[in-house]
Amino acid sequence: MKHPRLVDRRILTHFDFFLPLLILPLILVSLTLVREISPALFRKELFYIFLGMGVFVLFFLIPWRAIRWLIPFFYWGTIALLVSVDLFGVTRLGAQRWLELPIVGLTIQPSELFKPAFLLMLGYLVNEHPPPPQGYGLKEFLRFSFHILLPFVLIAKEPDLGTALVLLIIGYGTLFLIGVNWKIWASIAVVLAFAAPFMYNHLHDYQKKRIHDFLSEKPSYHVQQSIIAIGSGGMTGKPKEEATQTQLKFLPIASSDFIFAYFVERFGFVGAAALIALYATLILHILSLGIHARGDYYIRVTAYGIALLLFVYTSVNILMTIGLAPVVGVPLPLVSHGGSSFINFMVLFGILENFIAFRFNFLYNHDAKITLL
């Protein structure tokens, strides 16, 4: 008698093993740096990583294509949470971005939970309304814009303009890669060029200050210390004991926002080049997954969205540490200490791997042999 197997060989055939191989070195870098900065934070980082791996497996096993009809409910459920922030949100440091969970007393940030729902909804809409050969026209573009601009307004109102702009870039960037008529993009560019001065006037004072600090001749204290740490790393970096910018607490927020500066202080220009090359390889690989998916819009939208998210976070974080972008509190993906960003990326990676591994219908056939090798 043959015993049923738990995993179909064909699932493993389509699973992208190269993606975890690119992610693992970034996790090891994070653990190494956080451990050197703070043993207490290191223990938290270990917890976040194990939790993130569990979440990756969970979201990989969810049959997203089979339950795709639930995706709009997921999207609108997270929109309801964003609306709830305005009504019942917890305010910290002048921003109302969190909801407190009753009984347990913990808080959640709905804008972080929204990112997976956002990409799934875009994939659902594109799959239901595939782009014509000449790209989406105005009617379809407005349909997508509604689903992109609604969360943008709700999150920007918290205020959390950084996260709102990231979602805006991901949404319209994904549409650009999927295909929209060029006349629409040209019209948007003209409108933005004329509207930019008026948009600036509606920024909060602290947001204007960040822009002023960026444009001023003398960078802010945070950026000054970051540049000193990067410069002191030299070509090959310093031992932990000699990395005085971080060890003597001159470098602020060394475990999260400015962790790239500490990395360069430790491993120098050579290490920085290697880390940037690793990120570039990861982003290009994920983009290639979307390009080769062709008519599978779930894979294409998810891959494009994750690649854009990685590119925006990585480039903004590195540029702000060297004084070429305003300091906006964007983490270095998979390296900066913190649970929300890391777990979110693991959720997205799990969803992408699911769409790739379960790409063909036979993998959802209940009569298929779901068995152990």
Protein backbone atom coordinates (compact mmCIF):
# COMPACT_ATOMS: atom_id res chain seq x y z
CA MET A 1 0.00 0.00 0.00
CA LYS A 2 1.36 3.40 -1.01
CA HIS A 3 1.44 6.06 1.66
CA PRO A 4 0.27 9.55 0.60
CA ARG A 5 2.99 12.17 0.32
CA LEU A 6 2.69 15.57 1.97
CA VAL A 7 4.43 17.66 -0.68
CA ASP A 8 3.95 17.35 -4.41
CA ARG A 9 7.29 17.16 -6.21
CA ARG A 10 5.98 19.62 -8.79
CA ILE A 11 5.53 22.32 -6.13
CA LEU A 12 9.22 22.14 -5.21
CA THR A 13 10.09 22.23 -8.91
CA HIS A 14 8.48 25.66 -9.27
CA PHE A 15 9.58 27.05 -5.89
CA ASP A 16 12.20 29.79 -6.35
CA PHE A 17 15.10 28.71 -4.12
CA PHE A 18 17.33 31.56 -5.29
CA LEU A 19 15.17 34.13 -3.48
CA PRO A 20 15.83 32.75 0.05
CA LEU A 21 19.54 32.43 -0.82
CA LEU A 22 19.63 36.19 -1.50
CA ILE A 23 17.63 37.05 1.61
CA LEU A 24 19.68 34.96 4.06
CA PRO A 25 22.92 37.04 3.84
CA LEU A 26 20.95 40.21 4.62
CA ILE A 27 19.45 38.57 7.71
CA LEU A 28 22.92 37.46 8.85
CA VAL A 29 24.24 41.01 8.37
CA SER A 30 21.37 42.34 10.48
CA LEU A 31 22.02 39.84 13.29
CA THR A 32 25.75 40.60 13.30
CA LEU A 33 25.35 44.38 13.46
CA VAL A 34 22.48 44.45 15.96
CA ARG A 35 24.35 42.06 18.26
CA GLU A 36 27.36 44.37 18.27
CA ILE A 37 25.21 47.43 18.97
CA SER A 38 22.97 46.01 21.71
CA PRO A 39 22.58 42.45 23.13
CA ALA A 40 19.06 43.37 24.26
CA LEU A 41 18.04 44.41 20.75
CA PHE A 42 19.73 41.26 19.41
CA ARG A 43 17.34 39.06 21.40
CA LYS A 44 14.39 41.01 19.99
CA GLU A 45 15.85 40.71 16.50
CA LEU A 46 16.07 36.92 16.85
CA PHE A 47 12.40 36.85 17.87
CA TYR A 48 11.41 38.98 14.86
CA ILE A 49 13.37 36.73 12.50
CA PHE A 50 11.84 33.50 13.79
CA LEU A 51 8.40 35.11 13.70
CA GLY A 52 9.06 36.36 10.16
CA MET A 53 10.06 32.88 9.00
CA GLY A 54 6.89 31.43 10.49
CA VAL A 55 4.83 34.12 8.76
CA PHE A 56 6.63 33.36 5.48
CA VAL A 57 5.60 29.68 5.70
CA LEU A 58 2.03 30.60 6.67
CA PHE A 59 1.50 32.99 3.77
CA PHE A 60 3.22 30.58 1.37
CA LEU A 61 0.71 27.84 2.29
CA ILE A 62 -2.40 30.02 1.92
CA PRO A 63 -4.00 29.08 -1.46
CA TRP A 64 -4.27 32.67 -2.71
CA ARG A 65 -5.44 31.78 -6.22
CA ALA A 66 -8.14 29.46 -4.91
CA ILE A 67 -9.47 32.13 -2.53
CA ARG A 68 -8.80 35.13 -4.76
CA TRP A 69 -12.42 36.21 -4.33
CA LEU A 70 -11.50 37.09 -0.72
CA ILE A 71 -8.79 39.56 -1.75
CA PRO A 72 -11.18 42.57 -2.06
CA PHE A 73 -12.45 41.81 1.49
CA PHE A 74 -8.84 41.77 2.71
CA TYR A 75 -8.22 45.12 1.01
CA TRP A 76 -11.36 46.81 2.32
CA GLY A 77 -10.80 45.34 5.78
CA THR A 78 -7.41 47.05 6.00
CA ILE A 79 -8.96 50.26 4.62
CA ALA A 80 -11.46 50.06 7.51
CA LEU A 81 -8.50 49.80 9.92
CA LEU A 82 -6.96 52.93 8.36
CA VAL A 83 -10.25 54.79 8.85
CA SER A 84 -10.36 53.51 12.45
CA VAL A 85 -6.96 55.13 13.08
CA ASP A 86 -8.54 58.52 12.43
CA LEU A 87 -11.38 57.73 14.83
CA PHE A 88 -9.75 55.71 17.62
CA GLY A 89 -6.02 55.88 16.91
CA VAL A 90 -3.23 56.18 19.48
CA THR A 91 -1.06 59.29 19.13
CA ARG A 92 2.71 59.07 19.58
CA LEU A 93 5.28 61.78 18.83
CA GLY A 94 2.57 63.93 17.27
CA ALA A 95 1.34 61.26 14.83
CA GLN A 96 -1.85 59.22 15.08
CA ARG A 97 -0.79 55.98 13.34
CA TRP A 98 -1.57 53.13 15.75
CA LEU A 99 -4.55 51.17 17.03
CA GLU A 100 -4.53 49.68 20.53
CA LEU A 101 -5.70 46.08 20.77
CA PRO A 102 -8.24 45.64 23.58
CA ILE A 103 -7.41 43.44 26.59
CA VAL A 104 -3.78 42.70 25.58
CA GLY A 105 -2.88 46.41 25.37
CA LEU A 106 -0.60 45.99 22.34
CA THR A 107 -0.67 48.38 19.38
CA ILE A 108 -0.65 47.71 15.63
CA GLN A 109 0.14 50.04 12.74
CA PRO A 110 -2.49 49.49 10.01
CA SER A 111 -0.39 51.28 7.36
CA GLU A 112 2.15 48.43 7.64
CA LEU A 113 -0.56 45.74 7.49
CA PHE A 114 -1.96 47.42 4.40
CA LYS A 115 1.02 46.76 2.09
CA PRO A 116 0.33 43.05 1.40
CA ALA A 117 -3.39 43.77 0.95
CA PHE A 118 -2.50 46.61 -1.44
CA LEU A 119 -0.36 44.45 -3.74
CA LEU A 120 -2.86 41.58 -3.66
CA MET A 121 -5.65 43.97 -4.63
CA LEU A 122 -3.63 45.41 -7.51
CA GLY A 123 -2.91 41.88 -8.73
CA TYR A 124 -6.59 41.00 -8.43
CA LEU A 125 -7.70 44.07 -10.40
CA VAL A 126 -5.10 43.58 -13.14
CA ASN A 127 -6.00 39.89 -13.41
CA GLU A 128 -9.71 40.73 -13.71
CA HIS A 129 -9.02 43.52 -16.24
CA PRO A 130 -5.84 42.65 -18.22
CA PRO A 131 -4.19 45.55 -20.06
CA PRO A 132 -4.92 45.93 -23.80
CA PRO A 133 -1.96 45.99 -26.24
CA GLN A 134 -1.77 49.81 -26.18
CA GLY A 135 -1.97 49.93 -22.37
CA TYR A 136 -4.78 50.94 -20.04
CA GLY A 137 -6.95 53.84 -21.10
CA LEU A 138 -8.36 56.60 -18.91
CA LYS A 139 -11.36 54.63 -17.57
CA GLU A 140 -9.29 51.72 -16.26
CA PHE A 141 -6.55 54.06 -15.06
CA LEU A 142 -9.08 55.94 -12.93
CA ARG A 143 -10.33 52.63 -11.50
CA PHE A 144 -6.80 51.76 -10.36
CA SER A 145 -6.16 55.32 -9.19
CA PHE A 146 -9.13 55.14 -6.82
CA HIS A 147 -7.66 52.07 -5.10
CA ILE A 148 -4.22 53.75 -4.94
CA LEU A 149 -5.21 57.28 -3.89
CA LEU A 150 -7.71 56.27 -1.19
CA PRO A 151 -5.09 54.69 1.12
CA PHE A 152 -2.63 57.45 0.18
CA VAL A 153 -5.00 60.10 1.56
CA LEU A 154 -5.83 58.09 4.70
CA ILE A 155 -2.17 57.39 5.55
CA ALA A 156 -0.92 60.89 4.66
CA LYS A 157 -3.56 62.29 7.00
CA GLU A 158 -2.14 60.43 10.05
CA PRO A 159 0.38 62.05 9.18
CA ASP A 160 2.73 59.47 7.64
CA LEU A 161 3.68 61.04 4.32
CA GLY A 162 6.69 58.74 3.90
CA THR A 163 4.62 55.53 3.90
CA ALA A 164 1.91 57.19 1.81
CA LEU A 165 4.41 58.23 -0.86
CA VAL A 166 5.96 54.75 -0.90
CA LEU A 167 2.53 53.23 -1.60
CA LEU A 168 1.93 55.84 -4.29
CA ILE A 169 5.24 54.97 -5.99
CA ILE A 170 4.56 51.23 -5.74
CA GLY A 171 1.03 51.56 -7.11
CA TYR A 172 1.77 53.78 -10.09
CA GLY A 173 5.20 52.20 -10.66
CA THR A 174 3.56 48.79 -10.97
CA LEU A 175 0.97 50.18 -13.37
CA PHE A 176 3.78 51.71 -15.43
CA LEU A 177 5.46 48.31 -15.74
CA ILE A 178 2.17 46.53 -16.49
CA GLY A 179 1.21 49.04 -19.18
CA VAL A 180 -0.66 52.36 -19.28
CA ASN A 181 -1.12 54.58 -22.34
CA TRP A 182 1.79 57.06 -22.54
CA LYS A 183 -0.55 60.05 -22.98
CA ILE A 184 -1.84 59.52 -19.43
CA TRP A 185 1.68 59.60 -17.96
CA ALA A 186 2.52 62.74 -19.95
CA SER A 187 -0.59 64.49 -18.66
CA ILE A 188 0.23 63.53 -15.05
CA ALA A 189 3.79 64.86 -15.41
CA VAL A 190 2.51 68.25 -16.59
CA VAL A 191 -0.05 68.49 -13.77
CA LEU A 192 2.54 67.59 -11.11
CA ALA A 193 5.00 70.17 -12.45
CA PHE A 194 2.45 72.95 -11.96
CA ALA A 195 1.01 71.59 -8.69
CA ALA A 196 4.34 71.06 -6.85
CA PRO A 197 4.48 74.56 -5.21
CA PHE A 198 0.91 74.23 -3.94
CA MET A 199 1.59 70.72 -2.58
CA TYR A 200 4.60 72.03 -0.66
CA ASN A 201 2.45 74.65 1.11
CA HIS A 202 0.25 71.87 2.53
CA LEU A 203 3.13 69.99 4.17
CA HIS A 204 3.42 69.87 7.97
CA ASP A 205 6.09 72.04 9.59
CA TYR A 206 8.30 69.06 10.50
CA GLN A 207 8.13 67.82 6.89
CA LYS A 208 9.22 71.25 5.61
CA LYS A 209 12.04 71.23 8.18
CA ARG A 210 13.35 67.94 6.78
CA ILE A 211 13.46 69.48 3.32
CA HIS A 212 15.17 72.63 4.64
CA ASP A 213 17.75 70.52 6.51
CA PHE A 214 18.42 68.57 3.33
CA LEU A 215 18.85 71.71 1.19
CA SER A 216 20.90 73.65 3.74
CA GLU A 217 24.67 73.95 3.37
CA LYS A 218 25.27 72.27 6.73
CA PRO A 219 23.60 68.85 7.19
CA SER A 220 21.71 67.96 10.35
CA TYR A 221 23.50 66.44 13.35
CA HIS A 222 22.26 62.93 12.46
CA VAL A 223 23.60 63.16 8.92
CA GLN A 224 26.89 64.71 10.06
CA GLN A 225 27.58 61.81 12.42
CA SER A 226 26.51 59.32 9.74
CA ILE A 227 28.94 60.80 7.20
CA ILE A 228 31.75 60.74 9.78
CA ALA A 229 31.05 57.06 10.50
CA ILE A 230 31.05 56.21 6.78
CA GLY A 231 34.27 58.15 6.17
CA SER A 232 36.03 56.55 9.13
CA GLY A 233 35.41 53.08 7.70
CA GLY A 234 37.93 53.67 4.92
CA MET A 235 38.44 51.00 2.28
CA THR A 236 38.03 47.84 4.38
CA GLY A 237 36.46 49.01 7.66
CA LYS A 238 37.39 48.75 11.33
CA PRO A 239 37.16 46.11 14.07
CA LYS A 240 34.18 46.44 16.38
CA GLU A 241 36.23 47.99 19.21
CA GLU A 242 37.59 50.73 16.92
CA ALA A 243 34.20 51.69 15.43
CA THR A 244 33.98 54.60 17.84
CA GLN A 245 31.16 56.49 16.11
CA THR A 246 28.76 53.72 17.02
CA GLN A 247 30.33 52.23 20.14
CA LEU A 248 30.59 55.67 21.80
CA LYS A 249 26.99 56.49 20.77
CA PHE A 250 27.87 59.39 18.46
CA LEU A 251 25.91 57.77 15.61
CA PRO A 252 22.17 58.12 16.39
CA ILE A 253 19.66 55.33 15.71
CA ALA A 254 22.56 53.07 14.69
CA SER A 255 20.49 49.87 14.82
CA SER A 256 17.72 51.03 12.49
CA ASP A 257 17.64 54.19 10.37
CA PHE A 258 21.43 54.64 10.25
CA ILE A 259 22.51 51.01 10.31
CA PHE A 260 24.08 51.41 6.85
CA ALA A 261 26.50 53.99 8.30
CA TYR A 262 27.57 51.52 11.00
CA PHE A 263 27.93 48.76 8.38
CA VAL A 264 30.31 50.95 6.37
CA GLU A 265 32.24 51.92 9.51
CA ARG A 266 32.74 48.20 10.18
CA PHE A 267 33.32 46.88 6.65
CA GLY A 268 34.39 49.94 4.67
CA PHE A 269 33.89 50.81 1.02
CA VAL A 270 34.40 47.19 -0.07
CA GLY A 271 31.65 45.99 2.26
CA ALA A 272 29.29 48.79 1.16
CA ALA A 273 29.82 47.91 -2.51
CA ALA A 274 29.14 44.23 -1.78
CA LEU A 275 25.97 45.04 0.18
CA ILE A 276 24.63 47.33 -2.56
CA ALA A 277 25.45 44.64 -5.16
CA LEU A 278 23.50 42.10 -3.09
CA TYR A 279 20.47 44.39 -2.95
CA ALA A 280 20.74 45.05 -6.70
CA THR A 281 20.86 41.30 -7.41
CA LEU A 282 17.82 40.69 -5.19
CA ILE A 283 15.81 43.49 -6.84
CA LEU A 284 16.75 42.46 -10.39
CA HIS A 285 15.98 38.82 -9.65
CA ILE A 286 12.51 39.67 -8.36
CA LEU A 287 11.92 41.92 -11.39
CA SER A 288 12.95 39.05 -13.66
CA LEU A 289 10.36 36.82 -11.99
CA GLY A 290 7.69 39.33 -12.98
CA ILE A 291 9.01 39.78 -16.52
CA HIS A 292 9.12 36.03 -17.22
CA ALA A 293 5.64 35.45 -15.77
CA ARG A 294 4.11 37.00 -18.93
CA GLY A 295 0.33 36.52 -18.68
CA ASP A 296 0.31 35.61 -14.97
CA TYR A 297 -0.63 38.98 -13.51
CA TYR A 298 -0.59 37.83 -9.89
CA ILE A 299 3.11 37.03 -10.15
CA ARG A 300 3.87 40.11 -12.24
CA VAL A 301 2.14 42.61 -9.95
CA THR A 302 3.49 41.06 -6.74
CA ALA A 303 7.04 40.81 -8.11
CA TYR A 304 7.03 44.37 -9.50
CA GLY A 305 5.57 45.73 -6.26
CA ILE A 306 8.13 43.99 -4.02
CA ALA A 307 11.02 45.01 -6.29
CA LEU A 308 9.88 48.65 -6.23
CA LEU A 309 9.41 48.55 -2.45
CA LEU A 310 12.93 47.16 -1.98
CA PHE A 311 14.39 49.70 -4.40
CA VAL A 312 12.69 52.70 -2.77
CA TYR A 313 13.51 51.67 0.80
CA THR A 314 17.12 50.74 0.01
CA SER A 315 17.93 53.78 -2.11
CA VAL A 316 16.25 56.31 0.21
CA ASN A 317 17.86 54.82 3.33
CA ILE A 318 21.37 54.81 1.83
CA LEU A 319 20.99 58.26 0.28
CA MET A 320 19.77 59.82 3.53
CA THR A 321 22.74 58.39 5.47
CA ILE A 322 25.15 60.15 3.10
CA GLY A 323 23.19 63.41 2.98
CA LEU A 324 21.71 63.05 -0.50
CA ALA A 325 18.09 62.64 0.64
CA PRO A 326 16.01 64.02 3.54
CA VAL A 327 15.98 61.96 6.74
CA VAL A 328 12.56 60.30 6.65
CA GLY A 329 12.95 57.26 8.91
CA VAL A 330 12.91 54.64 6.13
CA PRO A 331 14.52 51.32 7.25
CA LEU A 332 17.17 49.42 5.31
CA PRO A 333 15.19 46.35 4.15
CA LEU A 334 15.86 43.12 6.10
CA VAL A 335 18.85 44.72 7.86
CA SER A 336 17.49 47.52 10.06
CA HIS A 337 16.31 46.38 13.48
CA GLY A 338 12.53 46.29 13.81
CA GLY A 339 9.68 43.85 13.49
CA SER A 340 7.09 45.59 11.30
CA SER A 341 9.24 46.09 8.21
CA PHE A 342 10.92 42.67 8.37
CA ILE A 343 7.70 40.73 8.92
CA ASN A 344 5.98 42.67 6.14
CA PHE A 345 8.69 41.71 3.67
CA MET A 346 8.49 38.06 4.76
CA VAL A 347 4.72 38.16 4.20
CA LEU A 348 5.26 39.55 0.70
CA PHE A 349 7.99 37.00 -0.10
CA GLY A 350 5.68 34.21 1.08
CA ILE A 351 2.87 35.44 -1.17
CA LEU A 352 5.22 35.73 -4.16
CA GLU A 353 6.61 32.22 -3.62
CA ASN A 354 3.04 30.92 -3.38
CA PHE A 355 2.06 32.47 -6.71
CA ILE A 356 5.20 30.99 -8.32
CA ALA A 357 5.05 27.49 -6.80
CA PHE A 358 1.29 27.08 -7.25
CA ARG A 359 1.23 28.63 -10.69
CA PHE A 360 -0.55 25.79 -12.48
CA ASN A 361 -4.06 24.51 -11.95
CA PHE A 362 -3.10 20.93 -11.13
CA LEU A 363 -1.55 22.13 -7.90
CA TYR A 364 -5.03 23.14 -6.70
CA ASN A 365 -6.68 19.95 -7.86
CA HIS A 366 -7.89 18.07 -4.79
CA ASP A 367 -7.26 14.79 -6.59
CA ALA A 368 -3.57 15.64 -7.06
CA LYS A 369 -1.11 13.69 -4.94
CA ILE A 370 -0.14 16.04 -2.15
CA THR A 371 2.52 13.70 -0.81
CA LEU A 372 5.90 13.43 0.76
CA LEU A 373 8.96 12.87 -1.37
